[in-house]
Amino acid sequence: MSIGNTRRATTLLTFIANDVTTATKTGSAVDLEDYEGDIALSLDAEAGGGSVTYAVKLTESDATDGTYTDVSGAAFTTTGANTALVEQLVVNSDETKRFIKCVVTVAGGTGAGAVSVLGLASPKYG
């Protein structure tokens, strides 16, 4: 498959918008109802300064405003202190609940680095 076909066959999803992360944050719920199969997620974390680390994971729920629990096996490697990280993670949308949120936990001080998590998903009817 060419990159052009991949681009047309996938949708870009924002789990955490690129922003300087100074404290623990939770992204908005992403509704997976219209997607199927694997979602490739990409974490891009800038060094946070000092001894700051970022632990980034996915949580799931049946309802957008419901109780969210961790998605099994869906956590990125925790960044080292004052270390940048780019990493990919794959989650199968057919094996998760309908709504997904991304949680970034800042430890070791107040963060000062930009963090983003984006995903590429395949529409069910595209």
PDB file of N, CA and C in Angstrom:
ATOM      1  N   MET A   1       0.855  -1.172   0.000  1.00  0.00           N
ATOM      2  CA  MET A   1       0.000   0.000   0.000  1.00  0.00           C
ATOM      3  C   MET A   1       0.899   1.233   0.000  1.00  0.00           C
ATOM      4  N   SER A   2       0.593   2.193  -0.835  1.00  0.00           N
ATOM      5  CA  SER A   2       1.391   3.423  -0.884  1.00  0.00           C
ATOM      6  C   SER A   2       0.997   4.347   0.262  1.00  0.00           C
ATOM      7  N   ILE A   3       1.841   5.301   0.565  1.00  0.00           N
ATOM      8  CA  ILE A   3       1.549   6.252   1.639  1.00  0.00           C
ATOM      9  C   ILE A   3       0.295   7.051   1.324  1.00  0.00           C
ATOM     10  N   GLY A   4       0.014   7.298   0.054  1.00  0.00           N
ATOM     11  CA  GLY A   4      -1.210   8.007  -0.327  1.00  0.00           C
ATOM     12  C   GLY A   4      -2.452   7.225   0.049  1.00  0.00           C
ATOM     13  N   ASN A   5      -2.433   5.905  -0.178  1.00  0.00           N
ATOM     14  CA  ASN A   5      -3.563   5.060   0.197  1.00  0.00           C
ATOM     15  C   ASN A   5      -3.726   4.994   1.711  1.00  0.00           C
ATOM     16  N   THR A   6      -2.614   4.937   2.436  1.00  0.00           N
ATOM     17  CA  THR A   6      -2.672   4.913   3.893  1.00  0.00           C
ATOM     18  C   THR A   6      -3.317   6.188   4.415  1.00  0.00           C
ATOM     19  N   ARG A   7      -2.938   7.316   3.846  1.00  0.00           N
ATOM     20  CA  ARG A   7      -3.476   8.607   4.274  1.00  0.00           C
ATOM     21  C   ARG A   7      -4.984   8.670   4.063  1.00  0.00           C
ATOM     22  N   ARG A   8      -5.466   8.150   2.952  1.00  0.00           N
ATOM     23  CA  ARG A   8      -6.897   8.187   2.671  1.00  0.00           C
ATOM     24  C   ARG A   8      -7.674   7.164   3.493  1.00  0.00           C
ATOM     25  N   ALA A   9      -7.010   6.100   3.943  1.00  0.00           N
ATOM     26  CA  ALA A   9      -7.694   5.025   4.647  1.00  0.00           C
ATOM     27  C   ALA A   9      -7.645   5.174   6.167  1.00  0.00           C
ATOM     28  N   THR A  10      -7.046   6.257   6.668  1.00  0.00           N
ATOM     29  CA  THR A  10      -6.944   6.450   8.111  1.00  0.00           C
ATOM     30  C   THR A  10      -7.402   7.847   8.504  1.00  0.00           C
ATOM     31  N   THR A  11      -7.745   7.975   9.771  1.00  0.00           N
ATOM     32  CA  THR A  11      -8.158   9.253  10.340  1.00  0.00           C
ATOM     33  C   THR A  11      -7.203   9.594  11.479  1.00  0.00           C
ATOM     34  N   LEU A  12      -6.794  10.840  11.554  1.00  0.00           N
ATOM     35  CA  LEU A  12      -5.922  11.300  12.629  1.00  0.00           C
ATOM     36  C   LEU A  12      -6.770  11.667  13.838  1.00  0.00           C
ATOM     37  N   LEU A  13      -6.451  11.063  14.994  1.00  0.00           N
ATOM     38  CA  LEU A  13      -7.163  11.321  16.237  1.00  0.00           C
ATOM     39  C   LEU A  13      -6.218  12.001  17.230  1.00  0.00           C
ATOM     40  N   THR A  14      -6.702  13.002  17.934  1.00  0.00           N
ATOM     41  CA  THR A  14      -5.894  13.691  18.942  1.00  0.00           C
ATOM     42  C   THR A  14      -6.304  13.208  20.327  1.00  0.00           C
ATOM     43  N   PHE A  15      -5.386  12.551  21.010  1.00  0.00           N
ATOM     44  CA  PHE A  15      -5.624  12.080  22.372  1.00  0.00           C
ATOM     45  C   PHE A  15      -5.127  13.101  23.389  1.00  0.00           C
ATOM     46  N   ILE A  16      -3.958  13.690  23.148  1.00  0.00           N
ATOM     47  CA  ILE A  16      -3.431  14.818  23.926  1.00  0.00           C
ATOM     48  C   ILE A  16      -2.871  15.803  22.907  1.00  0.00           C
ATOM     49  N   ALA A  17      -3.451  17.001  22.856  1.00  0.00           N
ATOM     50  CA  ALA A  17      -2.967  18.017  21.924  1.00  0.00           C
ATOM     51  C   ALA A  17      -1.587  18.498  22.359  1.00  0.00           C
ATOM     52  N   ASN A  18      -0.737  18.838  21.405  1.00  0.00           N
ATOM     53  CA  ASN A  18       0.609  19.309  21.695  1.00  0.00           C
ATOM     54  C   ASN A  18       0.544  20.572  22.544  1.00  0.00           C
ATOM     55  N   ASP A  19       1.088  20.479  23.758  1.00  0.00           N
ATOM     56  CA  ASP A  19       1.047  21.606  24.684  1.00  0.00           C
ATOM     57  C   ASP A  19       2.098  21.381  25.761  1.00  0.00           C
ATOM     58  N   VAL A  20       2.586  22.468  26.330  1.00  0.00           N
ATOM     59  CA  VAL A  20       3.502  22.353  27.459  1.00  0.00           C
ATOM     60  C   VAL A  20       2.719  21.776  28.627  1.00  0.00           C
ATOM     61  N   THR A  21       3.248  20.702  29.201  1.00  0.00           N
ATOM     62  CA  THR A  21       2.569  19.992  30.277  1.00  0.00           C
ATOM     63  C   THR A  21       3.282  20.291  31.589  1.00  0.00           C
ATOM     64  N   THR A  22       2.612  21.027  32.455  1.00  0.00           N
ATOM     65  CA  THR A  22       3.213  21.426  33.722  1.00  0.00           C
ATOM     66  C   THR A  22       2.691  20.621  34.901  1.00  0.00           C
ATOM     67  N   ALA A  23       1.629  19.859  34.687  1.00  0.00           N
ATOM     68  CA  ALA A  23       1.040  19.037  35.750  1.00  0.00           C
ATOM     69  C   ALA A  23       0.282  17.893  35.093  1.00  0.00           C
ATOM     70  N   THR A  24      -0.096  16.923  35.893  1.00  0.00           N
ATOM     71  CA  THR A  24      -0.847  15.784  35.387  1.00  0.00           C
ATOM     72  C   THR A  24      -2.095  16.262  34.644  1.00  0.00           C
ATOM     73  N   LYS A  25      -2.357  15.658  33.486  1.00  0.00           N
ATOM     74  CA  LYS A  25      -3.529  16.059  32.687  1.00  0.00           C
ATOM     75  C   LYS A  25      -4.180  14.850  32.056  1.00  0.00           C
ATOM     76  N   THR A  26      -5.474  14.993  31.815  1.00  0.00           N
ATOM     77  CA  THR A  26      -6.261  13.964  31.137  1.00  0.00           C
ATOM     78  C   THR A  26      -6.853  14.569  29.880  1.00  0.00           C
ATOM     79  N   GLY A  27      -6.666  13.899  28.751  1.00  0.00           N
ATOM     80  CA  GLY A  27      -7.214  14.372  27.491  1.00  0.00           C
ATOM     81  C   GLY A  27      -8.717  14.166  27.432  1.00  0.00           C
ATOM     82  N   SER A  28      -9.330  14.747  26.437  1.00  0.00           N
ATOM     83  CA  SER A  28     -10.768  14.578  26.211  1.00  0.00           C
ATOM     84  C   SER A  28     -11.048  13.162  25.720  1.00  0.00           C
ATOM     85  N   ALA A  29     -12.272  12.700  25.945  1.00  0.00           N
ATOM     86  CA  ALA A  29     -12.670  11.364  25.494  1.00  0.00           C
ATOM     87  C   ALA A  29     -12.672  11.299  23.970  1.00  0.00           C
ATOM     88  N   VAL A  30     -12.140  10.212  23.430  1.00  0.00           N
ATOM     89  CA  VAL A  30     -12.168   9.948  21.991  1.00  0.00           C
ATOM     90  C   VAL A  30     -13.144   8.801  21.776  1.00  0.00           C
ATOM     91  N   ASP A  31     -14.176   9.038  20.950  1.00  0.00           N
ATOM     92  CA  ASP A  31     -15.202   8.048  20.665  1.00  0.00           C
ATOM     93  C   ASP A  31     -14.719   7.138  19.539  1.00  0.00           C
ATOM     94  N   LEU A  32     -14.605   5.847  19.813  1.00  0.00           N
ATOM     95  CA  LEU A  32     -14.099   4.891  18.830  1.00  0.00           C
ATOM     96  C   LEU A  32     -15.191   4.151  18.077  1.00  0.00           C
ATOM     97  N   GLU A  33     -16.445   4.563  18.237  1.00  0.00           N
ATOM     98  CA  GLU A  33     -17.566   3.853  17.616  1.00  0.00           C
ATOM     99  C   GLU A  33     -17.412   3.706  16.106  1.00  0.00           C
ATOM    100  N   ASP A  34     -16.858   4.694  15.422  1.00  0.00           N
ATOM    101  CA  ASP A  34     -16.767   4.657  13.966  1.00  0.00           C
ATOM    102  C   ASP A  34     -15.460   4.074  13.442  1.00  0.00           C
ATOM    103  N   TYR A  35     -14.659   3.457  14.327  1.00  0.00           N
ATOM    104  CA  TYR A  35     -13.354   2.921  13.931  1.00  0.00           C
ATOM    105  C   TYR A  35     -13.286   1.434  14.224  1.00  0.00           C
ATOM    106  N   GLU A  36     -12.358   0.748  13.521  1.00  0.00           N
ATOM    107  CA  GLU A  36     -12.179  -0.685  13.752  1.00  0.00           C
ATOM    108  C   GLU A  36     -10.703  -1.040  13.642  1.00  0.00           C
ATOM    109  N   GLY A  37     -10.354  -2.132  14.292  1.00  0.00           N
ATOM    110  CA  GLY A  37      -8.989  -2.639  14.189  1.00  0.00           C
ATOM    111  C   GLY A  37      -7.983  -1.822  14.983  1.00  0.00           C
ATOM    112  N   ASP A  38      -6.737  -1.943  14.554  1.00  0.00           N
ATOM    113  CA  ASP A  38      -5.643  -1.309  15.273  1.00  0.00           C
ATOM    114  C   ASP A  38      -5.633   0.209  15.137  1.00  0.00           C
ATOM    115  N   ILE A  39      -5.288   0.848  16.233  1.00  0.00           N
ATOM    116  CA  ILE A  39      -5.023   2.281  16.252  1.00  0.00           C
ATOM    117  C   ILE A  39      -3.556   2.441  16.624  1.00  0.00           C
ATOM    118  N   ALA A  40      -2.780   3.082  15.773  1.00  0.00           N
ATOM    119  CA  ALA A  40      -1.369   3.344  16.050  1.00  0.00           C
ATOM    120  C   ALA A  40      -1.270   4.700  16.730  1.00  0.00           C
ATOM    121  N   LEU A  41      -0.796   4.705  17.974  1.00  0.00           N
ATOM    122  CA  LEU A  41      -0.656   5.939  18.739  1.00  0.00           C
ATOM    123  C   LEU A  41       0.811   6.329  18.804  1.00  0.00           C
ATOM    124  N   SER A  42       1.061   7.616  18.760  1.00  0.00           N
ATOM    125  CA  SER A  42       2.415   8.132  18.805  1.00  0.00           C
ATOM    126  C   SER A  42       2.534   9.158  19.922  1.00  0.00           C
ATOM    127  N   LEU A  43       3.479   8.922  20.832  1.00  0.00           N
ATOM    128  CA  LEU A  43       3.792   9.857  21.911  1.00  0.00           C
ATOM    129  C   LEU A  43       5.017  10.650  21.509  1.00  0.00           C
ATOM    130  N   ASP A  44       4.951  11.957  21.668  1.00  0.00           N
ATOM    131  CA  ASP A  44       6.100  12.827  21.458  1.00  0.00           C
ATOM    132  C   ASP A  44       6.221  13.690  22.707  1.00  0.00           C
ATOM    133  N   ALA A  45       7.234  13.408  23.541  1.00  0.00           N
ATOM    134  CA  ALA A  45       7.408  14.117  24.805  1.00  0.00           C
ATOM    135  C   ALA A  45       8.760  14.809  24.826  1.00  0.00           C
ATOM    136  N   GLU A  46       8.733  16.097  25.054  1.00  0.00           N
ATOM    137  CA  GLU A  46       9.950  16.894  25.183  1.00  0.00           C
ATOM    138  C   GLU A  46      10.506  16.708  26.604  1.00  0.00           C
ATOM    139  N   ALA A  47      11.806  16.844  26.771  1.00  0.00           N
ATOM    140  CA  ALA A  47      12.401  16.772  28.106  1.00  0.00           C
ATOM    141  C   ALA A  47      11.731  17.794  29.014  1.00  0.00           C
ATOM    142  N   GLY A  48      11.308  17.353  30.201  1.00  0.00           N
ATOM    143  CA  GLY A  48      10.542  18.207  31.105  1.00  0.00           C
ATOM    144  C   GLY A  48      11.362  19.090  32.013  1.00  0.00           C
ATOM    145  N   GLY A  49      12.656  18.859  32.089  1.00  0.00           N
ATOM    146  CA  GLY A  49      13.519  19.660  32.957  1.00  0.00           C
ATOM    147  C   GLY A  49      13.752  18.995  34.298  1.00  0.00           C
ATOM    148  N   GLY A  50      14.922  19.231  34.884  1.00  0.00           N
ATOM    149  CA  GLY A  50      15.243  18.706  36.209  1.00  0.00           C
ATOM    150  C   GLY A  50      15.034  17.210  36.302  1.00  0.00           C
ATOM    151  N   SER A  51      14.282  16.775  37.297  1.00  0.00           N
ATOM    152  CA  SER A  51      14.029  15.345  37.495  1.00  0.00           C
ATOM    153  C   SER A  51      12.612  14.958  37.068  1.00  0.00           C
ATOM    154  N   VAL A  52      12.002  15.759  36.209  1.00  0.00           N
ATOM    155  CA  VAL A  52      10.627  15.536  35.772  1.00  0.00           C
ATOM    156  C   VAL A  52      10.528  14.325  34.838  1.00  0.00           C
ATOM    157  N   THR A  53       9.519  13.475  35.086  1.00  0.00           N
ATOM    158  CA  THR A  53       9.207  12.352  34.205  1.00  0.00           C
ATOM    159  C   THR A  53       7.731  12.426  33.807  1.00  0.00           C
ATOM    160  N   TYR A  54       7.411  11.794  32.675  1.00  0.00           N
ATOM    161  CA  TYR A  54       6.029  11.711  32.204  1.00  0.00           C
ATOM    162  C   TYR A  54       5.652  10.242  32.051  1.00  0.00           C
ATOM    163  N   ALA A  55       4.572   9.825  32.707  1.00  0.00           N
ATOM    164  CA  ALA A  55       4.011   8.486  32.530  1.00  0.00           C
ATOM    165  C   ALA A  55       2.707   8.673  31.760  1.00  0.00           C
ATOM    166  N   VAL A  56       2.599   8.033  30.602  1.00  0.00           N
ATOM    167  CA  VAL A  56       1.458   8.250  29.715  1.00  0.00           C
ATOM    168  C   VAL A  56       0.750   6.916  29.470  1.00  0.00           C
ATOM    169  N   LYS A  57      -0.579   6.907  29.715  1.00  0.00           N
ATOM    170  CA  LYS A  57      -1.352   5.674  29.552  1.00  0.00           C
ATOM    171  C   LYS A  57      -2.722   5.990  28.970  1.00  0.00           C
ATOM    172  N   LEU A  58      -3.404   4.923  28.510  1.00  0.00           N
ATOM    173  CA  LEU A  58      -4.766   5.042  28.004  1.00  0.00           C
ATOM    174  C   LEU A  58      -5.736   4.460  29.022  1.00  0.00           C
ATOM    175  N   THR A  59      -6.903   5.098  29.130  1.00  0.00           N
ATOM    176  CA  THR A  59      -7.988   4.595  29.964  1.00  0.00           C
ATOM    177  C   THR A  59      -9.225   4.450  29.097  1.00  0.00           C
ATOM    178  N   GLU A  60     -10.191   3.632  29.546  1.00  0.00           N
ATOM    179  CA  GLU A  60     -11.372   3.342  28.735  1.00  0.00           C
ATOM    180  C   GLU A  60     -12.636   3.356  29.573  1.00  0.00           C
ATOM    181  N   SER A  61     -13.770   3.611  28.884  1.00  0.00           N
ATOM    182  CA  SER A  61     -15.071   3.616  29.540  1.00  0.00           C
ATOM    183  C   SER A  61     -16.153   3.327  28.508  1.00  0.00           C
ATOM    184  N   ASP A  62     -17.298   2.828  28.987  1.00  0.00           N
ATOM    185  CA  ASP A  62     -18.443   2.591  28.099  1.00  0.00           C
ATOM    186  C   ASP A  62     -19.197   3.878  27.791  1.00  0.00           C
ATOM    187  N   ALA A  63     -19.013   4.913  28.619  1.00  0.00           N
ATOM    188  CA  ALA A  63     -19.716   6.188  28.446  1.00  0.00           C
ATOM    189  C   ALA A  63     -18.716   7.328  28.536  1.00  0.00           C
ATOM    190  N   THR A  64     -18.962   8.379  27.770  1.00  0.00           N
ATOM    191  CA  THR A  64     -18.021   9.499  27.742  1.00  0.00           C
ATOM    192  C   THR A  64     -17.789  10.105  29.123  1.00  0.00           C
ATOM    193  N   ASP A  65     -18.818  10.123  29.965  1.00  0.00           N
ATOM    194  CA  ASP A  65     -18.679  10.690  31.300  1.00  0.00           C
ATOM    195  C   ASP A  65     -18.659   9.610  32.372  1.00  0.00           C
ATOM    196  N   GLY A  66     -18.359   8.368  31.969  1.00  0.00           N
ATOM    197  CA  GLY A  66     -18.356   7.230  32.893  1.00  0.00           C
ATOM    198  C   GLY A  66     -17.065   7.115  33.678  1.00  0.00           C
ATOM    199  N   THR A  67     -16.925   6.002  34.367  1.00  0.00           N
ATOM    200  CA  THR A  67     -15.722   5.702  35.127  1.00  0.00           C
ATOM    201  C   THR A  67     -14.697   5.082  34.186  1.00  0.00           C
ATOM    202  N   TYR A  68     -13.503   5.650  34.158  1.00  0.00           N
ATOM    203  CA  TYR A  68     -12.440   5.181  33.274  1.00  0.00           C
ATOM    204  C   TYR A  68     -11.471   4.278  34.025  1.00  0.00           C
ATOM    205  N   THR A  69     -11.091   3.163  33.381  1.00  0.00           N
ATOM    206  CA  THR A  69     -10.107   2.245  33.932  1.00  0.00           C
ATOM    207  C   THR A  69      -8.978   2.082  32.918  1.00  0.00           C
ATOM    208  N   ASP A  70      -7.821   1.635  33.380  1.00  0.00           N
ATOM    209  CA  ASP A  70      -6.668   1.478  32.498  1.00  0.00           C
ATOM    210  C   ASP A  70      -6.941   0.439  31.411  1.00  0.00           C
ATOM    211  N   VAL A  71      -6.473   0.727  30.211  1.00  0.00           N
ATOM    212  CA  VAL A  71      -6.505  -0.239  29.113  1.00  0.00           C
ATOM    213  C   VAL A  71      -5.298  -1.156  29.314  1.00  0.00           C
ATOM    214  N   SER A  72      -5.529  -2.446  29.380  1.00  0.00           N
ATOM    215  CA  SER A  72      -4.455  -3.407  29.617  1.00  0.00           C
ATOM    216  C   SER A  72      -3.372  -3.301  28.548  1.00  0.00           C
ATOM    217  N   GLY A  73      -2.127  -3.142  28.974  1.00  0.00           N
ATOM    218  CA  GLY A  73      -0.997  -3.089  28.048  1.00  0.00           C
ATOM    219  C   GLY A  73      -0.891  -1.818  27.245  1.00  0.00           C
ATOM    220  N   ALA A  74      -1.638  -0.776  27.613  1.00  0.00           N
ATOM    221  CA  ALA A  74      -1.655   0.460  26.820  1.00  0.00           C
ATOM    222  C   ALA A  74      -1.018   1.617  27.574  1.00  0.00           C
ATOM    223  N   ALA A  75       0.262   1.429  27.917  1.00  0.00           N
ATOM    224  CA  ALA A  75       1.020   2.501  28.559  1.00  0.00           C
ATOM    225  C   ALA A  75       2.344   2.648  27.817  1.00  0.00           C
ATOM    226  N   PHE A  76       2.732   3.886  27.594  1.00  0.00           N
ATOM    227  CA  PHE A  76       4.021   4.155  26.983  1.00  0.00           C
ATOM    228  C   PHE A  76       5.111   4.002  28.043  1.00  0.00           C
ATOM    229  N   THR A  77       6.346   3.859  27.606  1.00  0.00           N
ATOM    230  CA  THR A  77       7.480   3.842  28.522  1.00  0.00           C
ATOM    231  C   THR A  77       7.545   5.184  29.239  1.00  0.00           C
ATOM    232  N   THR A  78       7.706   5.167  30.568  1.00  0.00           N
ATOM    233  CA  THR A  78       7.845   6.414  31.317  1.00  0.00           C
ATOM    234  C   THR A  78       9.157   7.082  30.908  1.00  0.00           C
ATOM    235  N   THR A  79       9.082   8.370  30.634  1.00  0.00           N
ATOM    236  CA  THR A  79      10.289   9.083  30.225  1.00  0.00           C
ATOM    237  C   THR A  79      11.291   9.102  31.360  1.00  0.00           C
ATOM    238  N   GLY A  80      12.562   9.123  31.025  1.00  0.00           N
ATOM    239  CA  GLY A  80      13.600   9.299  32.031  1.00  0.00           C
ATOM    240  C   GLY A  80      13.598  10.750  32.497  1.00  0.00           C
ATOM    241  N   ALA A  81      14.203  11.010  33.628  1.00  0.00           N
ATOM    242  CA  ALA A  81      14.264  12.372  34.154  1.00  0.00           C
ATOM    243  C   ALA A  81      14.927  13.288  33.133  1.00  0.00           C
ATOM    244  N   ASN A  82      14.225  14.373  32.804  1.00  0.00           N
ATOM    245  CA  ASN A  82      14.706  15.382  31.858  1.00  0.00           C
ATOM    246  C   ASN A  82      15.147  14.768  30.525  1.00  0.00           C
ATOM    247  N   THR A  83      14.366  13.777  30.049  1.00  0.00           N
ATOM    248  CA  THR A  83      14.689  13.068  28.816  1.00  0.00           C
ATOM    249  C   THR A  83      13.507  13.122  27.855  1.00  0.00           C
ATOM    250  N   ALA A  84      13.778  13.433  26.593  1.00  0.00           N
ATOM    251  CA  ALA A  84      12.736  13.423  25.564  1.00  0.00           C
ATOM    252  C   ALA A  84      12.455  11.977  25.146  1.00  0.00           C
ATOM    253  N   LEU A  85      11.258  11.735  24.614  1.00  0.00           N
ATOM    254  CA  LEU A  85      10.889  10.392  24.172  1.00  0.00           C
ATOM    255  C   LEU A  85       9.895  10.475  23.021  1.00  0.00           C
ATOM    256  N   VAL A  86      10.140   9.672  21.996  1.00  0.00           N
ATOM    257  CA  VAL A  86       9.170   9.459  20.920  1.00  0.00           C
ATOM    258  C   VAL A  86       8.948   7.957  20.877  1.00  0.00           C
ATOM    259  N   GLU A  87       7.682   7.552  20.956  1.00  0.00           N
ATOM    260  CA  GLU A  87       7.385   6.120  21.022  1.00  0.00           C
ATOM    261  C   GLU A  87       6.029   5.843  20.382  1.00  0.00           C
ATOM    262  N   GLN A  88       5.870   4.630  19.859  1.00  0.00           N
ATOM    263  CA  GLN A  88       4.605   4.219  19.256  1.00  0.00           C
ATOM    264  C   GLN A  88       4.005   3.076  20.068  1.00  0.00           C
ATOM    265  N   LEU A  89       2.679   3.040  20.094  1.00  0.00           N
ATOM    266  CA  LEU A  89       1.917   2.023  20.806  1.00  0.00           C
ATOM    267  C   LEU A  89       0.718   1.665  19.932  1.00  0.00           C
ATOM    268  N   VAL A  90       0.366   0.393  19.864  1.00  0.00           N
ATOM    269  CA  VAL A  90      -0.777  -0.035  19.061  1.00  0.00           C
ATOM    270  C   VAL A  90      -1.835  -0.636  19.976  1.00  0.00           C
ATOM    271  N   VAL A  91      -3.083  -0.192  19.800  1.00  0.00           N
ATOM    272  CA  VAL A  91      -4.222  -0.680  20.569  1.00  0.00           C
ATOM    273  C   VAL A  91      -5.292  -1.112  19.575  1.00  0.00           C
ATOM    274  N   ASN A  92      -5.922  -2.248  19.817  1.00  0.00           N
ATOM    275  CA  ASN A  92      -6.987  -2.714  18.939  1.00  0.00           C
ATOM    276  C   ASN A  92      -8.321  -2.155  19.432  1.00  0.00           C
ATOM    277  N   SER A  93      -8.956  -1.327  18.627  1.00  0.00           N
ATOM    278  CA  SER A  93     -10.209  -0.678  19.022  1.00  0.00           C
ATOM    279  C   SER A  93     -11.355  -1.669  19.194  1.00  0.00           C
ATOM    280  N   ASP A  94     -11.232  -2.850  18.584  1.00  0.00           N
ATOM    281  CA  ASP A  94     -12.267  -3.879  18.727  1.00  0.00           C
ATOM    282  C   ASP A  94     -12.202  -4.552  20.104  1.00  0.00           C
ATOM    283  N   GLU A  95     -11.108  -4.331  20.830  1.00  0.00           N
ATOM    284  CA  GLU A  95     -10.904  -4.969  22.126  1.00  0.00           C
ATOM    285  C   GLU A  95     -10.966  -3.974  23.288  1.00  0.00           C
ATOM    286  N   THR A  96     -11.360  -2.740  23.005  1.00  0.00           N
ATOM    287  CA  THR A  96     -11.480  -1.730  24.059  1.00  0.00           C
ATOM    288  C   THR A  96     -12.936  -1.298  24.177  1.00  0.00           C
ATOM    289  N   LYS A  97     -13.194  -0.551  25.216  1.00  0.00           N
ATOM    290  CA  LYS A  97     -14.517   0.039  25.363  1.00  0.00           C
ATOM    291  C   LYS A  97     -14.638   1.196  24.378  1.00  0.00           C
ATOM    292  N   ARG A  98     -15.821   1.758  24.265  1.00  0.00           N
ATOM    293  CA  ARG A  98     -16.110   2.758  23.232  1.00  0.00           C
ATOM    294  C   ARG A  98     -15.310   4.048  23.382  1.00  0.00           C
ATOM    295  N   PHE A  99     -15.083   4.512  24.610  1.00  0.00           N
ATOM    296  CA  PHE A  99     -14.424   5.802  24.816  1.00  0.00           C
ATOM    297  C   PHE A  99     -13.038   5.606  25.433  1.00  0.00           C
ATOM    298  N   ILE A 100     -12.067   6.333  24.896  1.00  0.00           N
ATOM    299  CA  ILE A 100     -10.682   6.259  25.344  1.00  0.00           C
ATOM    300  C   ILE A 100     -10.219   7.663  25.740  1.00  0.00           C
ATOM    301  N   LYS A 101      -9.482   7.737  26.841  1.00  0.00           N
ATOM    302  CA  LYS A 101      -8.819   8.978  27.247  1.00  0.00           C
ATOM    303  C   LYS A 101      -7.345   8.669  27.466  1.00  0.00           C
ATOM    304  N   CYS A 102      -6.522   9.666  27.256  1.00  0.00           N
ATOM    305  CA  CYS A 102      -5.099   9.554  27.517  1.00  0.00           C
ATOM    306  C   CYS A 102      -4.792  10.355  28.781  1.00  0.00           C
ATOM    307  N   VAL A 103      -3.998   9.766  29.671  1.00  0.00           N
ATOM    308  CA  VAL A 103      -3.631  10.421  30.928  1.00  0.00           C
ATOM    309  C   VAL A 103      -2.110  10.577  30.964  1.00  0.00           C
ATOM    310  N   VAL A 104      -1.655  11.793  31.236  1.00  0.00           N
ATOM    311  CA  VAL A 104      -0.233  12.082  31.392  1.00  0.00           C
ATOM    312  C   VAL A 104      -0.004  12.419  32.858  1.00  0.00           C
ATOM    313  N   THR A 105       0.814  11.602  33.545  1.00  0.00           N
ATOM    314  CA  THR A 105       1.131  11.847  34.946  1.00  0.00           C
ATOM    315  C   THR A 105       2.535  12.418  35.032  1.00  0.00           C
ATOM    316  N   VAL A 106       2.645  13.608  35.610  1.00  0.00           N
ATOM    317  CA  VAL A 106       3.929  14.286  35.778  1.00  0.00           C
ATOM    318  C   VAL A 106       4.444  13.976  37.177  1.00  0.00           C
ATOM    319  N   ALA A 107       5.701  13.543  37.257  1.00  0.00           N
ATOM    320  CA  ALA A 107       6.307  13.244  38.559  1.00  0.00           C
ATOM    321  C   ALA A 107       7.685  13.897  38.640  1.00  0.00           C
ATOM    322  N   GLY A 108       8.172  14.081  39.853  1.00  0.00           N
ATOM    323  CA  GLY A 108       9.519  14.604  40.046  1.00  0.00           C
ATOM    324  C   GLY A 108       9.630  16.112  40.015  1.00  0.00           C
ATOM    325  N   GLY A 109       8.508  16.804  40.051  1.00  0.00           N
ATOM    326  CA  GLY A 109       8.536  18.272  40.012  1.00  0.00           C
ATOM    327  C   GLY A 109       7.455  18.795  39.103  1.00  0.00           C
ATOM    328  N   THR A 110       7.597  20.030  38.688  1.00  0.00           N
ATOM    329  CA  THR A 110       6.650  20.646  37.768  1.00  0.00           C
ATOM    330  C   THR A 110       7.232  20.571  36.366  1.00  0.00           C
ATOM    331  N   GLY A 111       6.502  19.928  35.476  1.00  0.00           N
ATOM    332  CA  GLY A 111       6.983  19.763  34.109  1.00  0.00           C
ATOM    333  C   GLY A 111       7.024  21.063  33.344  1.00  0.00           C
ATOM    334  N   ALA A 112       7.854  21.073  32.321  1.00  0.00           N
ATOM    335  CA  ALA A 112       7.944  22.246  31.465  1.00  0.00           C
ATOM    336  C   ALA A 112       8.192  21.840  30.017  1.00  0.00           C
ATOM    337  N   GLY A 113       7.809  20.622  29.664  1.00  0.00           N
ATOM    338  CA  GLY A 113       8.029  20.137  28.308  1.00  0.00           C
ATOM    339  C   GLY A 113       6.720  19.898  27.583  1.00  0.00           C
ATOM    340  N   ALA A 114       6.772  20.011  26.259  1.00  0.00           N
ATOM    341  CA  ALA A 114       5.582  19.759  25.447  1.00  0.00           C
ATOM    342  C   ALA A 114       5.363  18.258  25.293  1.00  0.00           C
ATOM    343  N   VAL A 115       4.096  17.842  25.367  1.00  0.00           N
ATOM    344  CA  VAL A 115       3.717  16.440  25.215  1.00  0.00           C
ATOM    345  C   VAL A 115       2.534  16.373  24.268  1.00  0.00           C
ATOM    346  N   SER A 116       2.537  15.381  23.368  1.00  0.00           N
ATOM    347  CA  SER A 116       1.370  15.139  22.519  1.00  0.00           C
ATOM    348  C   SER A 116       1.225  13.649  22.281  1.00  0.00           C
ATOM    349  N   VAL A 117      -0.042  13.219  22.103  1.00  0.00           N
ATOM    350  CA  VAL A 117      -0.341  11.835  21.734  1.00  0.00           C
ATOM    351  C   VAL A 117      -1.367  11.899  20.608  1.00  0.00           C
ATOM    352  N   LEU A 118      -0.979  11.383  19.451  1.00  0.00           N
ATOM    353  CA  LEU A 118      -1.856  11.332  18.280  1.00  0.00           C
ATOM    354  C   LEU A 118      -2.042   9.882  17.880  1.00  0.00           C
ATOM    355  N   GLY A 119      -3.147   9.596  17.204  1.00  0.00           N
ATOM    356  CA  GLY A 119      -3.407   8.233  16.752  1.00  0.00           C
ATOM    357  C   GLY A 119      -3.882   8.209  15.313  1.00  0.00           C
ATOM    358  N   LEU A 120      -3.601   7.117  14.619  1.00  0.00           N
ATOM    359  CA  LEU A 120      -4.123   6.858  13.274  1.00  0.00           C
ATOM    360  C   LEU A 120      -5.054   5.670  13.369  1.00  0.00           C
ATOM    361  N   ALA A 121      -6.311   5.877  12.957  1.00  0.00           N
ATOM    362  CA  ALA A 121      -7.346   4.846  13.064  1.00  0.00           C
ATOM    363  C   ALA A 121      -8.017   4.636  11.717  1.00  0.00           C
ATOM    364  N   SER A 122      -8.518   3.414  11.505  1.00  0.00           N
ATOM    365  CA  SER A 122      -9.226   3.081  10.272  1.00  0.00           C
ATOM    366  C   SER A 122     -10.729   3.166  10.490  1.00  0.00           C
ATOM    367  N   PRO A 123     -11.411   3.986   9.690  1.00  0.00           N
ATOM    368  CA  PRO A 123     -12.878   4.067   9.809  1.00  0.00           C
ATOM    369  C   PRO A 123     -13.526   2.741   9.428  1.00  0.00           C
ATOM    370  N   LYS A 124     -14.643   2.407  10.067  1.00  0.00           N
ATOM    371  CA  LYS A 124     -15.373   1.176   9.762  1.00  0.00           C
ATOM    372  C   LYS A 124     -15.921   1.199   8.346  1.00  0.00           C
ATOM    373  N   TYR A 125     -16.396   2.336   7.924  1.00  0.00           N
ATOM    374  CA  TYR A 125     -17.108   2.401   6.644  1.00  0.00           C
ATOM    375  C   TYR A 125     -16.410   3.315   5.662  1.00  0.00           C
ATOM    376  N   GLY A 126     -15.081   3.336   5.672  1.00  0.00           N
ATOM    377  CA  GLY A 126     -14.346   4.257   4.806  1.00  0.00           C
ATOM    378  C   GLY A 126     -13.677   3.553   3.755  1.00  0.00           C
TER     379      GLY A 126
END
